[in-house]
Amino acid sequence: MSLQEHQATIAQAQALGLSERAVRRLVEEGAWARTAPGVYTSRPGGDSLSRRAWAGHLAVGPESAIGGDAALQLADVPRQVDQLELWVPPCVQRRAAGLVVHRDHLGRLSHARGTLPLIRPADAVVDIGQCLPTEDLVRLIADAVRVGRTSLRQLARVLDERPRVHDRRRFLALVSDMTGIESGLEYAYRRDVERAHGLPKARRAVSVSAGTRSDVLYEDYGVLVELDGRVGHGDGAFRDLRRDNRHAGSGFTTLRYCSVEVRGRACQVAWQVGVALGSRGWPGPVTRCPNCRNASDSDLSD
C-alpha cells in the first residue's frame, strides 16, 4: 500500500484478508479513513497532490490516468491544481464524486506512463493551454520545456495530430516562435519592446562568460538585456551585480528590467535599449509603436 500512498480499494483490502465489515470498523475507530469513493487509507491525516491523485486513480480504475494540471505538477512542471482530472478509455463510463473524468478519444492513454499513470506532458500542455490567454500559455510552454518534460518539436507534433484544438493557429505560432524564450516576461519583452519598436533581432538564453546565462544579447553591439520577474530577490541581486560588472570588464553594456517596466513602460524601455544600441553603432531608428506614436522624445526618455 505504500506505493499507493498507503491507500487501497475495498477489493485490495479484501485481498489482504480484510472484509468490508472490518474496513468499516477501522474507519469508525479512526484507524483508517475514506479518501475517495471506495478508497481508504491506513494513515489518516495529511494531504498531498500525490495522495489525492492516487485516491482518484484507485477510485476511477486501473485503466485511468491523471491529466490536466495535476499531471504536469506531478511531472515537476509548476502548476496550481484546483481540480483533479482523470482520463479513461472511450468505452468506459466512470464518475466519482469530486473528480473530473474525461473519456479519451485521442490516444492520450497510449502515452501514459508511471506507477501512478500520468498522461504525457505534451498532451497535458495542449489540453490546458488551448484556452489560456497568450502570456499564460507562453509561461506554461516555457515551464514545461525548461524542466525538460517536453520540447517545442513534440508540442508541434501533438498539435498536428489533434483534429480539433481551440485557437490552433495562435498555439502553433507561439510554439514555432518560442526558441530561446524561457518565461512570459521574456516573451513580453520580445513582442512589446523589441519587435514593436523595430529593434534588431537578439540572441536569447546565451552565455557570454563562464558559468553565466544572459536573457538577451544584441551580439553585434555588445549590449545585454537581463529580465527579472522576481521582487527583492536577496542574494540573487549581488550575483547579478557581480555578473554585470564582469561583463562590463569584457566590454558589454548591461541593461536590466523587471516585469513592471517591461509590461508597464515598454516604450520607455525600447527607447533606452535603442539609445544603448545606438551608442554601439546601431543605425536605428527606434520605431514608434501605436502606444508611443504621439509621445514626445522627452516623455519616452524618462
C-alpha atoms as a PDB file:
ATOM      1  CA  MET A   1       0.000   0.000   0.000  1.00  0.00           C
ATOM      2  CA  SER A   2       2.952   2.405   0.482  1.00  0.00           C
ATOM      3  CA  LEU A   3       3.303   2.564  -3.320  1.00  0.00           C
ATOM      4  CA  GLN A   4      -0.241   3.930  -3.390  1.00  0.00           C
ATOM      5  CA  GLU A   5       0.355   6.498  -0.635  1.00  0.00           C
ATOM      6  CA  HIS A   6      -0.938   3.920   1.899  1.00  0.00           C
ATOM      7  CA  GLN A   7      -4.315   3.701   0.188  1.00  0.00           C
ATOM      8  CA  ALA A   8      -6.350   0.724  -1.003  1.00  0.00           C
ATOM      9  CA  THR A   9      -9.650  -0.094  -2.610  1.00  0.00           C
ATOM     10  CA  ILE A  10     -12.097  -2.428  -0.882  1.00  0.00           C
ATOM     11  CA  ALA A  11     -11.065  -5.171  -3.321  1.00  0.00           C
ATOM     12  CA  GLN A  12      -7.400  -4.680  -2.442  1.00  0.00           C
ATOM     13  CA  ALA A  13      -8.198  -4.704   1.284  1.00  0.00           C
ATOM     14  CA  GLN A  14     -10.105  -7.952   0.855  1.00  0.00           C
ATOM     15  CA  ALA A  15      -7.147  -9.446  -0.976  1.00  0.00           C
ATOM     16  CA  LEU A  16      -5.103  -8.632   2.137  1.00  0.00           C
ATOM     17  CA  GLY A  17      -7.594 -10.514   4.288  1.00  0.00           C
ATOM     18  CA  LEU A  18      -9.790  -7.625   5.470  1.00  0.00           C
ATOM     19  CA  SER A  19     -13.536  -7.878   4.997  1.00  0.00           C
ATOM     20  CA  GLU A  20     -15.670  -4.896   4.093  1.00  0.00           C
ATOM     21  CA  ARG A  21     -17.067  -5.001   7.618  1.00  0.00           C
ATOM     22  CA  ALA A  22     -13.546  -4.902   9.071  1.00  0.00           C
ATOM     23  CA  VAL A  23     -12.706  -1.882   6.957  1.00  0.00           C
ATOM     24  CA  ARG A  24     -15.839  -0.086   8.152  1.00  0.00           C
ATOM     25  CA  ARG A  25     -14.863  -0.817  11.733  1.00  0.00           C
ATOM     26  CA  LEU A  26     -11.351   0.548  11.192  1.00  0.00           C
ATOM     27  CA  VAL A  27     -12.866   3.732   9.764  1.00  0.00           C
ATOM     28  CA  GLU A  28     -15.279   4.053  12.708  1.00  0.00           C
ATOM     29  CA  GLU A  29     -12.377   3.680  15.119  1.00  0.00           C
ATOM     30  CA  GLY A  30     -10.335   6.323  13.287  1.00  0.00           C
ATOM     31  CA  ALA A  31      -7.544   3.925  12.342  1.00  0.00           C
ATOM     32  CA  TRP A  32      -8.451   4.220   8.646  1.00  0.00           C
ATOM     33  CA  ALA A  33     -10.135   6.993   6.661  1.00  0.00           C
ATOM     34  CA  ARG A  34     -12.033   7.220   3.387  1.00  0.00           C
ATOM     35  CA  THR A  35     -10.134   9.251   0.775  1.00  0.00           C
ATOM     36  CA  ALA A  36     -12.343   8.700  -2.295  1.00  0.00           C
ATOM     37  CA  PRO A  37     -15.363   6.615  -3.234  1.00  0.00           C
ATOM     38  CA  GLY A  38     -14.391   3.032  -2.396  1.00  0.00           C
ATOM     39  CA  VAL A  39     -10.830   4.021  -1.409  1.00  0.00           C
ATOM     40  CA  TYR A  40      -9.381   4.075   2.107  1.00  0.00           C
ATOM     41  CA  THR A  41      -6.094   4.983   3.743  1.00  0.00           C
ATOM     42  CA  SER A  42      -4.381   3.298   6.647  1.00  0.00           C
ATOM     43  CA  ARG A  43      -2.722   6.594   7.562  1.00  0.00           C
ATOM     44  CA  PRO A  44      -5.402   9.241   8.166  1.00  0.00           C
ATOM     45  CA  GLY A  45      -4.477  12.882   8.224  1.00  0.00           C
ATOM     46  CA  GLY A  46      -2.301  14.966   5.968  1.00  0.00           C
ATOM     47  CA  ASP A  47      -2.808  15.750   2.326  1.00  0.00           C
ATOM     48  CA  SER A  48      -0.675  15.974  -0.799  1.00  0.00           C
ATOM     49  CA  LEU A  49      -1.303  16.073  -4.507  1.00  0.00           C
ATOM     50  CA  SER A  50       0.250  12.623  -4.886  1.00  0.00           C
ATOM     51  CA  ARG A  51      -2.111  11.244  -2.278  1.00  0.00           C
ATOM     52  CA  ARG A  52      -5.134  12.870  -3.907  1.00  0.00           C
ATOM     53  CA  ALA A  53      -4.060  11.610  -7.317  1.00  0.00           C
ATOM     54  CA  TRP A  54      -3.619   8.035  -6.089  1.00  0.00           C
ATOM     55  CA  ALA A  55      -7.033   8.149  -4.425  1.00  0.00           C
ATOM     56  CA  GLY A  56      -8.608   9.389  -7.666  1.00  0.00           C
ATOM     57  CA  HIS A  57      -6.827   6.794  -9.793  1.00  0.00           C
ATOM     58  CA  LEU A  58      -7.885   3.962  -7.466  1.00  0.00           C
ATOM     59  CA  ALA A  59     -11.465   5.234  -7.353  1.00  0.00           C
ATOM     60  CA  VAL A  60     -11.821   5.537 -11.132  1.00  0.00           C
ATOM     61  CA  GLY A  61      -9.991   2.337 -12.007  1.00  0.00           C
ATOM     62  CA  PRO A  62      -6.652   0.924 -13.181  1.00  0.00           C
ATOM     63  CA  GLU A  63      -7.269   1.930 -16.795  1.00  0.00           C
ATOM     64  CA  SER A  64      -7.341   5.631 -15.824  1.00  0.00           C
ATOM     65  CA  ALA A  65      -4.517   8.181 -15.951  1.00  0.00           C
ATOM     66  CA  ILE A  66      -4.062  11.557 -14.293  1.00  0.00           C
ATOM     67  CA  GLY A  67      -4.383  14.533 -16.637  1.00  0.00           C
ATOM     68  CA  GLY A  68      -4.623  18.302 -16.564  1.00  0.00           C
ATOM     69  CA  ASP A  69      -2.677  20.491 -14.153  1.00  0.00           C
ATOM     70  CA  ALA A  70      -2.119  17.574 -11.769  1.00  0.00           C
ATOM     71  CA  ALA A  71      -0.273  15.565 -14.440  1.00  0.00           C
ATOM     72  CA  LEU A  72       2.069  18.490 -15.028  1.00  0.00           C
ATOM     73  CA  GLN A  73       2.608  19.299 -11.353  1.00  0.00           C
ATOM     74  CA  LEU A  74       3.402  15.649 -10.618  1.00  0.00           C
ATOM     75  CA  ALA A  75       5.888  15.767 -13.513  1.00  0.00           C
ATOM     76  CA  ASP A  76       7.620  18.776 -11.887  1.00  0.00           C
ATOM     77  CA  VAL A  77       6.071  21.420 -14.148  1.00  0.00           C
ATOM     78  CA  PRO A  78       4.829  24.105 -11.713  1.00  0.00           C
ATOM     79  CA  ARG A  79       1.031  24.376 -11.789  1.00  0.00           C
ATOM     80  CA  GLN A  80      -1.781  25.283  -9.417  1.00  0.00           C
ATOM     81  CA  VAL A  81      -4.076  22.262  -9.122  1.00  0.00           C
ATOM     82  CA  ASP A  82      -7.689  23.102  -8.339  1.00  0.00           C
ATOM     83  CA  GLN A  83      -9.485  20.042  -9.701  1.00  0.00           C
ATOM     84  CA  LEU A  84      -8.223  16.526 -10.185  1.00  0.00           C
ATOM     85  CA  GLU A  85      -8.795  15.396 -13.782  1.00  0.00           C
ATOM     86  CA  LEU A  86      -8.561  11.811 -14.998  1.00  0.00           C
ATOM     87  CA  TRP A  87      -8.780  10.237 -18.433  1.00  0.00           C
ATOM     88  CA  VAL A  88     -10.366   6.852 -19.139  1.00  0.00           C
ATOM     89  CA  PRO A  89     -10.769   4.813 -22.360  1.00  0.00           C
ATOM     90  CA  PRO A  90     -13.595   5.944 -24.642  1.00  0.00           C
ATOM     91  CA  CYS A  91     -15.646   2.823 -23.936  1.00  0.00           C
ATOM     92  CA  VAL A  92     -15.541   3.365 -20.164  1.00  0.00           C
ATOM     93  CA  GLN A  93     -18.123   5.420 -18.307  1.00  0.00           C
ATOM     94  CA  ARG A  94     -16.993   6.349 -14.817  1.00  0.00           C
ATOM     95  CA  ARG A  95     -17.990   9.007 -12.344  1.00  0.00           C
ATOM     96  CA  ALA A  96     -16.580   9.722  -8.918  1.00  0.00           C
ATOM     97  CA  ALA A  97     -17.617  12.488  -6.566  1.00  0.00           C
ATOM     98  CA  GLY A  98     -15.141  15.377  -6.544  1.00  0.00           C
ATOM     99  CA  LEU A  99     -13.274  14.164  -9.642  1.00  0.00           C
ATOM    100  CA  VAL A 100     -13.445  15.292 -13.263  1.00  0.00           C
ATOM    101  CA  VAL A 101     -13.397  12.233 -15.521  1.00  0.00           C
ATOM    102  CA  HIS A 102     -12.968  12.529 -19.304  1.00  0.00           C
ATOM    103  CA  ARG A 103     -13.151   9.858 -21.978  1.00  0.00           C
ATOM    104  CA  ASP A 104     -10.052   9.804 -24.161  1.00  0.00           C
ATOM    105  CA  HIS A 105     -10.696   9.691 -27.904  1.00  0.00           C
ATOM    106  CA  LEU A 106      -7.244  10.999 -28.903  1.00  0.00           C
ATOM    107  CA  GLY A 107      -4.802   8.397 -27.650  1.00  0.00           C
ATOM    108  CA  ARG A 108      -3.576  10.172 -24.534  1.00  0.00           C
ATOM    109  CA  LEU A 109      -3.724   6.929 -22.569  1.00  0.00           C
ATOM    110  CA  SER A 110      -1.436   5.147 -25.022  1.00  0.00           C
ATOM    111  CA  HIS A 111       1.351   7.519 -23.946  1.00  0.00           C
ATOM    112  CA  ALA A 112       0.559   7.474 -20.188  1.00  0.00           C
ATOM    113  CA  ARG A 113       3.480   6.369 -18.020  1.00  0.00           C
ATOM    114  CA  GLY A 114       4.282   5.688 -14.374  1.00  0.00           C
ATOM    115  CA  THR A 115       3.203   3.502 -11.470  1.00  0.00           C
ATOM    116  CA  LEU A 116       0.683   6.273 -10.926  1.00  0.00           C
ATOM    117  CA  PRO A 117      -0.172   6.761 -14.620  1.00  0.00           C
ATOM    118  CA  LEU A 118       0.168  10.331 -15.881  1.00  0.00           C
ATOM    119  CA  ILE A 119      -0.707  11.408 -19.395  1.00  0.00           C
ATOM    120  CA  ARG A 120       2.205  12.716 -21.447  1.00  0.00           C
ATOM    121  CA  PRO A 121       3.203  16.305 -20.508  1.00  0.00           C
ATOM    122  CA  ALA A 122       2.847  17.432 -24.134  1.00  0.00           C
ATOM    123  CA  ASP A 123      -0.768  16.215 -24.145  1.00  0.00           C
ATOM    124  CA  ALA A 124      -1.480  17.982 -20.855  1.00  0.00           C
ATOM    125  CA  VAL A 125       0.076  21.236 -22.140  1.00  0.00           C
ATOM    126  CA  VAL A 126      -2.165  21.175 -25.227  1.00  0.00           C
ATOM    127  CA  ASP A 127      -5.245  20.229 -23.175  1.00  0.00           C
ATOM    128  CA  ILE A 128      -4.719  23.108 -20.745  1.00  0.00           C
ATOM    129  CA  GLY A 129      -3.018  25.653 -22.951  1.00  0.00           C
ATOM    130  CA  GLN A 130      -5.503  25.948 -25.799  1.00  0.00           C
ATOM    131  CA  CYS A 131      -7.876  28.014 -23.635  1.00  0.00           C
ATOM    132  CA  LEU A 132      -5.276  30.139 -21.798  1.00  0.00           C
ATOM    133  CA  PRO A 133      -4.537  33.805 -22.525  1.00  0.00           C
ATOM    134  CA  THR A 134      -1.392  34.237 -24.600  1.00  0.00           C
ATOM    135  CA  GLU A 135       1.056  35.148 -21.820  1.00  0.00           C
ATOM    136  CA  ASP A 136      -0.233  32.350 -19.593  1.00  0.00           C
ATOM    137  CA  LEU A 137       0.182  29.924 -22.490  1.00  0.00           C
ATOM    138  CA  VAL A 138       3.717  31.177 -23.093  1.00  0.00           C
ATOM    139  CA  ARG A 139       4.527  30.648 -19.407  1.00  0.00           C
ATOM    140  CA  LEU A 140       3.095  27.130 -19.483  1.00  0.00           C
ATOM    141  CA  ILE A 141       5.073  26.146 -22.591  1.00  0.00           C
ATOM    142  CA  ALA A 142       8.255  27.733 -21.255  1.00  0.00           C
ATOM    143  CA  ASP A 143       7.955  25.966 -17.894  1.00  0.00           C
ATOM    144  CA  ALA A 144       7.344  22.552 -19.459  1.00  0.00           C
ATOM    145  CA  VAL A 145      10.242  22.927 -21.890  1.00  0.00           C
ATOM    146  CA  ARG A 146      12.615  24.392 -19.298  1.00  0.00           C
ATOM    147  CA  VAL A 147      12.281  21.434 -16.906  1.00  0.00           C
ATOM    148  CA  GLY A 148      12.728  19.020 -19.812  1.00  0.00           C
ATOM    149  CA  ARG A 149       9.302  17.378 -19.737  1.00  0.00           C
ATOM    150  CA  THR A 150       8.556  18.185 -23.369  1.00  0.00           C
ATOM    151  CA  SER A 151      10.022  20.078 -26.313  1.00  0.00           C
ATOM    152  CA  LEU A 152       8.772  22.592 -28.837  1.00  0.00           C
ATOM    153  CA  ARG A 153       9.094  19.926 -31.529  1.00  0.00           C
ATOM    154  CA  GLN A 154       6.971  17.446 -29.572  1.00  0.00           C
ATOM    155  CA  LEU A 155       4.315  20.081 -28.871  1.00  0.00           C
ATOM    156  CA  ALA A 156       4.154  20.919 -32.574  1.00  0.00           C
ATOM    157  CA  ARG A 157       3.752  17.223 -33.363  1.00  0.00           C
ATOM    158  CA  VAL A 158       0.895  16.816 -30.854  1.00  0.00           C
ATOM    159  CA  LEU A 159      -0.837  19.884 -32.283  1.00  0.00           C
ATOM    160  CA  ASP A 160      -0.521  18.445 -35.793  1.00  0.00           C
ATOM    161  CA  GLU A 161      -2.002  15.136 -34.616  1.00  0.00           C
ATOM    162  CA  ARG A 162      -5.005  16.672 -32.897  1.00  0.00           C
ATOM    163  CA  PRO A 163      -8.038  17.155 -35.163  1.00  0.00           C
ATOM    164  CA  ARG A 164      -9.503  19.884 -33.006  1.00  0.00           C
ATOM    165  CA  VAL A 165      -7.570  22.417 -30.928  1.00  0.00           C
ATOM    166  CA  HIS A 166      -9.092  25.719 -29.895  1.00  0.00           C
ATOM    167  CA  ASP A 167      -7.207  28.647 -31.462  1.00  0.00           C
ATOM    168  CA  ARG A 168      -4.803  26.243 -33.169  1.00  0.00           C
ATOM    169  CA  ARG A 169      -3.195  28.965 -35.312  1.00  0.00           C
ATOM    170  CA  ARG A 170      -2.188  31.013 -32.257  1.00  0.00           C
ATOM    171  CA  PHE A 171      -0.898  27.933 -30.417  1.00  0.00           C
ATOM    172  CA  LEU A 172       1.215  26.776 -33.376  1.00  0.00           C
ATOM    173  CA  ALA A 173       2.553  30.283 -33.947  1.00  0.00           C
ATOM    174  CA  LEU A 174       3.712  30.516 -30.340  1.00  0.00           C
ATOM    175  CA  VAL A 175       5.332  27.080 -30.369  1.00  0.00           C
ATOM    176  CA  SER A 176       7.196  27.885 -33.593  1.00  0.00           C
ATOM    177  CA  ASP A 177       8.292  31.257 -32.212  1.00  0.00           C
ATOM    178  CA  MET A 178       9.487  30.347 -28.718  1.00  0.00           C
ATOM    179  CA  THR A 179      13.030  29.130 -29.291  1.00  0.00           C
ATOM    180  CA  GLY A 180      15.127  30.664 -26.513  1.00  0.00           C
ATOM    181  CA  ILE A 181      12.107  32.065 -24.656  1.00  0.00           C
ATOM    182  CA  GLU A 182      12.039  30.781 -21.085  1.00  0.00           C
ATOM    183  CA  SER A 183       9.378  32.942 -19.426  1.00  0.00           C
ATOM    184  CA  GLY A 184       6.334  35.085 -20.073  1.00  0.00           C
ATOM    185  CA  LEU A 185       8.424  38.159 -19.274  1.00  0.00           C
ATOM    186  CA  GLU A 186      10.957  37.310 -21.995  1.00  0.00           C
ATOM    187  CA  TYR A 187       8.127  36.862 -24.472  1.00  0.00           C
ATOM    188  CA  ALA A 188       6.593  40.211 -23.472  1.00  0.00           C
ATOM    189  CA  TYR A 189       9.966  41.912 -23.947  1.00  0.00           C
ATOM    190  CA  ARG A 190      10.422  40.492 -27.440  1.00  0.00           C
ATOM    191  CA  ARG A 191       6.853  41.293 -28.501  1.00  0.00           C
ATOM    192  CA  ASP A 192       6.263  44.694 -26.855  1.00  0.00           C
ATOM    193  CA  VAL A 193       9.778  46.118 -26.685  1.00  0.00           C
ATOM    194  CA  GLU A 194      11.934  44.578 -29.393  1.00  0.00           C
ATOM    195  CA  ARG A 195       9.562  43.816 -32.239  1.00  0.00           C
ATOM    196  CA  ALA A 196       7.023  46.583 -31.629  1.00  0.00           C
ATOM    197  CA  HIS A 197       9.807  49.179 -31.804  1.00  0.00           C
ATOM    198  CA  GLY A 198      11.943  47.805 -34.623  1.00  0.00           C
ATOM    199  CA  LEU A 199      14.971  46.916 -32.512  1.00  0.00           C
ATOM    200  CA  PRO A 200      17.431  44.468 -34.060  1.00  0.00           C
ATOM    201  CA  LYS A 201      16.828  40.762 -33.532  1.00  0.00           C
ATOM    202  CA  ALA A 202      18.628  39.497 -30.444  1.00  0.00           C
ATOM    203  CA  ARG A 203      20.017  36.144 -29.419  1.00  0.00           C
ATOM    204  CA  ARG A 204      18.438  34.616 -26.343  1.00  0.00           C
ATOM    205  CA  ALA A 205      19.477  32.446 -23.396  1.00  0.00           C
ATOM    206  CA  VAL A 206      23.168  32.686 -24.281  1.00  0.00           C
ATOM    207  CA  SER A 207      26.381  32.596 -22.258  1.00  0.00           C
ATOM    208  CA  VAL A 208      28.942  35.365 -22.756  1.00  0.00           C
ATOM    209  CA  SER A 209      31.118  34.360 -19.789  1.00  0.00           C
ATOM    210  CA  ALA A 210      31.838  31.124 -17.959  1.00  0.00           C
ATOM    211  CA  GLY A 211      29.048  29.974 -15.662  1.00  0.00           C
ATOM    212  CA  THR A 212      26.562  32.674 -16.701  1.00  0.00           C
ATOM    213  CA  ARG A 213      23.497  32.851 -18.911  1.00  0.00           C
ATOM    214  CA  SER A 214      22.017  36.053 -20.240  1.00  0.00           C
ATOM    215  CA  ASP A 215      18.433  36.616 -21.336  1.00  0.00           C
ATOM    216  CA  VAL A 216      19.003  38.861 -24.357  1.00  0.00           C
ATOM    217  CA  LEU A 217      22.175  39.580 -26.331  1.00  0.00           C
ATOM    218  CA  TYR A 218      22.491  42.112 -29.145  1.00  0.00           C
ATOM    219  CA  GLU A 219      25.692  40.476 -30.293  1.00  0.00           C
ATOM    220  CA  ASP A 220      26.770  42.952 -32.974  1.00  0.00           C
ATOM    221  CA  TYR A 221      26.605  45.821 -30.495  1.00  0.00           C
ATOM    222  CA  GLY A 222      27.790  44.284 -27.214  1.00  0.00           C
ATOM    223  CA  VAL A 223      24.528  45.047 -25.384  1.00  0.00           C
ATOM    224  CA  LEU A 224      22.933  42.655 -22.898  1.00  0.00           C
ATOM    225  CA  VAL A 225      19.416  42.908 -21.509  1.00  0.00           C
ATOM    226  CA  GLU A 226      18.590  40.980 -18.339  1.00  0.00           C
ATOM    227  CA  LEU A 227      14.948  40.434 -17.357  1.00  0.00           C
ATOM    228  CA  ASP A 228      13.875  39.586 -13.842  1.00  0.00           C
ATOM    229  CA  GLY A 229      10.328  38.876 -12.700  1.00  0.00           C
ATOM    230  CA  ARG A 230      11.387  38.451  -9.081  1.00  0.00           C
ATOM    231  CA  VAL A 231      10.890  41.141  -6.460  1.00  0.00           C
ATOM    232  CA  GLY A 232      13.508  41.685  -3.778  1.00  0.00           C
ATOM    233  CA  HIS A 233      15.439  38.551  -4.610  1.00  0.00           C
ATOM    234  CA  GLY A 234      18.102  38.914  -1.890  1.00  0.00           C
ATOM    235  CA  ASP A 235      21.430  37.252  -2.625  1.00  0.00           C
ATOM    236  CA  GLY A 236      20.473  36.970  -6.284  1.00  0.00           C
ATOM    237  CA  ALA A 237      20.855  40.745  -6.624  1.00  0.00           C
ATOM    238  CA  PHE A 238      24.518  40.514  -5.583  1.00  0.00           C
ATOM    239  CA  ARG A 239      25.142  37.707  -8.063  1.00  0.00           C
ATOM    240  CA  ASP A 240      23.554  39.854 -10.770  1.00  0.00           C
ATOM    241  CA  LEU A 241      25.802  42.794  -9.875  1.00  0.00           C
ATOM    242  CA  ARG A 242      28.920  40.659  -9.948  1.00  0.00           C
ATOM    243  CA  ARG A 243      27.893  39.239 -13.322  1.00  0.00           C
ATOM    244  CA  ASP A 244      27.144  42.704 -14.751  1.00  0.00           C
ATOM    245  CA  ASN A 245      30.498  44.000 -13.522  1.00  0.00           C
ATOM    246  CA  ARG A 246      32.330  41.039 -15.043  1.00  0.00           C
ATOM    247  CA  HIS A 247      30.563  41.616 -18.360  1.00  0.00           C
ATOM    248  CA  ALA A 248      31.400  45.328 -18.246  1.00  0.00           C
ATOM    249  CA  GLY A 249      35.058  44.358 -17.949  1.00  0.00           C
ATOM    250  CA  SER A 250      34.631  42.379 -21.152  1.00  0.00           C
ATOM    251  CA  GLY A 251      33.151  45.346 -22.974  1.00  0.00           C
ATOM    252  CA  PHE A 252      29.438  44.607 -22.629  1.00  0.00           C
ATOM    253  CA  THR A 253      26.803  47.125 -21.623  1.00  0.00           C
ATOM    254  CA  THR A 254      24.075  45.542 -19.464  1.00  0.00           C
ATOM    255  CA  LEU A 255      20.544  46.907 -19.081  1.00  0.00           C
ATOM    256  CA  ARG A 256      18.288  45.285 -16.502  1.00  0.00           C
ATOM    257  CA  TYR A 257      14.478  45.434 -16.364  1.00  0.00           C
ATOM    258  CA  CYS A 258      11.793  43.985 -14.153  1.00  0.00           C
ATOM    259  CA  SER A 259       8.275  42.900 -15.058  1.00  0.00           C
ATOM    260  CA  VAL A 260       6.670  46.236 -14.144  1.00  0.00           C
ATOM    261  CA  GLU A 261       8.917  48.095 -16.575  1.00  0.00           C
ATOM    262  CA  VAL A 262       8.559  45.684 -19.484  1.00  0.00           C
ATOM    263  CA  ARG A 263       4.805  45.329 -19.108  1.00  0.00           C
ATOM    264  CA  GLY A 264       4.014  48.877 -17.998  1.00  0.00           C
ATOM    265  CA  ARG A 265       6.646  51.043 -19.706  1.00  0.00           C
ATOM    266  CA  ALA A 266       7.555  49.084 -22.835  1.00  0.00           C
ATOM    267  CA  CYS A 267       8.014  52.214 -24.945  1.00  0.00           C
ATOM    268  CA  GLN A 268      10.427  53.823 -22.484  1.00  0.00           C
ATOM    269  CA  VAL A 269      12.340  50.541 -22.203  1.00  0.00           C
ATOM    270  CA  ALA A 270      12.608  50.350 -26.007  1.00  0.00           C
ATOM    271  CA  TRP A 271      13.913  53.903 -26.142  1.00  0.00           C
ATOM    272  CA  GLN A 272      16.598  53.163 -23.526  1.00  0.00           C
ATOM    273  CA  VAL A 273      17.695  49.994 -25.302  1.00  0.00           C
ATOM    274  CA  GLY A 274      17.719  51.893 -28.610  1.00  0.00           C
ATOM    275  CA  VAL A 275      19.983  54.586 -27.133  1.00  0.00           C
ATOM    276  CA  ALA A 276      22.374  51.922 -25.800  1.00  0.00           C
ATOM    277  CA  LEU A 277      22.431  50.178 -29.170  1.00  0.00           C
ATOM    278  CA  GLY A 278      22.901  53.478 -30.980  1.00  0.00           C
ATOM    279  CA  SER A 279      25.917  54.296 -28.842  1.00  0.00           C
ATOM    280  CA  ARG A 280      27.419  50.997 -30.023  1.00  0.00           C
ATOM    281  CA  GLY A 281      26.826  51.582 -33.728  1.00  0.00           C
ATOM    282  CA  TRP A 282      23.237  50.524 -34.408  1.00  0.00           C
ATOM    283  CA  PRO A 283      21.910  52.880 -37.109  1.00  0.00           C
ATOM    284  CA  GLY A 284      18.339  52.790 -35.806  1.00  0.00           C
ATOM    285  CA  PRO A 285      15.899  54.280 -35.657  1.00  0.00           C
ATOM    286  CA  VAL A 286      13.590  53.122 -32.874  1.00  0.00           C
ATOM    287  CA  THR A 287      10.157  52.723 -34.456  1.00  0.00           C
ATOM    288  CA  ARG A 288       7.268  54.379 -32.704  1.00  0.00           C
ATOM    289  CA  CYS A 289       4.561  51.829 -31.911  1.00  0.00           C
ATOM    290  CA  PRO A 290       0.868  52.839 -31.690  1.00  0.00           C
ATOM    291  CA  ASN A 291       1.279  53.432 -27.943  1.00  0.00           C
ATOM    292  CA  CYS A 292       4.158  55.874 -28.252  1.00  0.00           C
ATOM    293  CA  ARG A 293       3.440  57.444 -31.634  1.00  0.00           C
ATOM    294  CA  ASN A 294       2.115  60.659 -30.119  1.00  0.00           C
ATOM    295  CA  ALA A 295       4.609  60.868 -27.239  1.00  0.00           C
ATOM    296  CA  SER A 296       7.499  63.328 -27.233  1.00  0.00           C
ATOM    297  CA  ASP A 297      11.104  62.199 -27.114  1.00  0.00           C
ATOM    298  CA  SER A 298      11.408  63.597 -23.597  1.00  0.00           C
ATOM    299  CA  ASP A 299       8.443  61.508 -22.433  1.00  0.00           C
ATOM    300  CA  LEU A 300       9.983  58.384 -23.890  1.00  0.00           C
ATOM    301  CA  SER A 301      13.402  59.036 -22.395  1.00  0.00           C
ATOM    302  CA  ASP A 302      12.089  59.441 -18.826  1.00  0.00           C
END
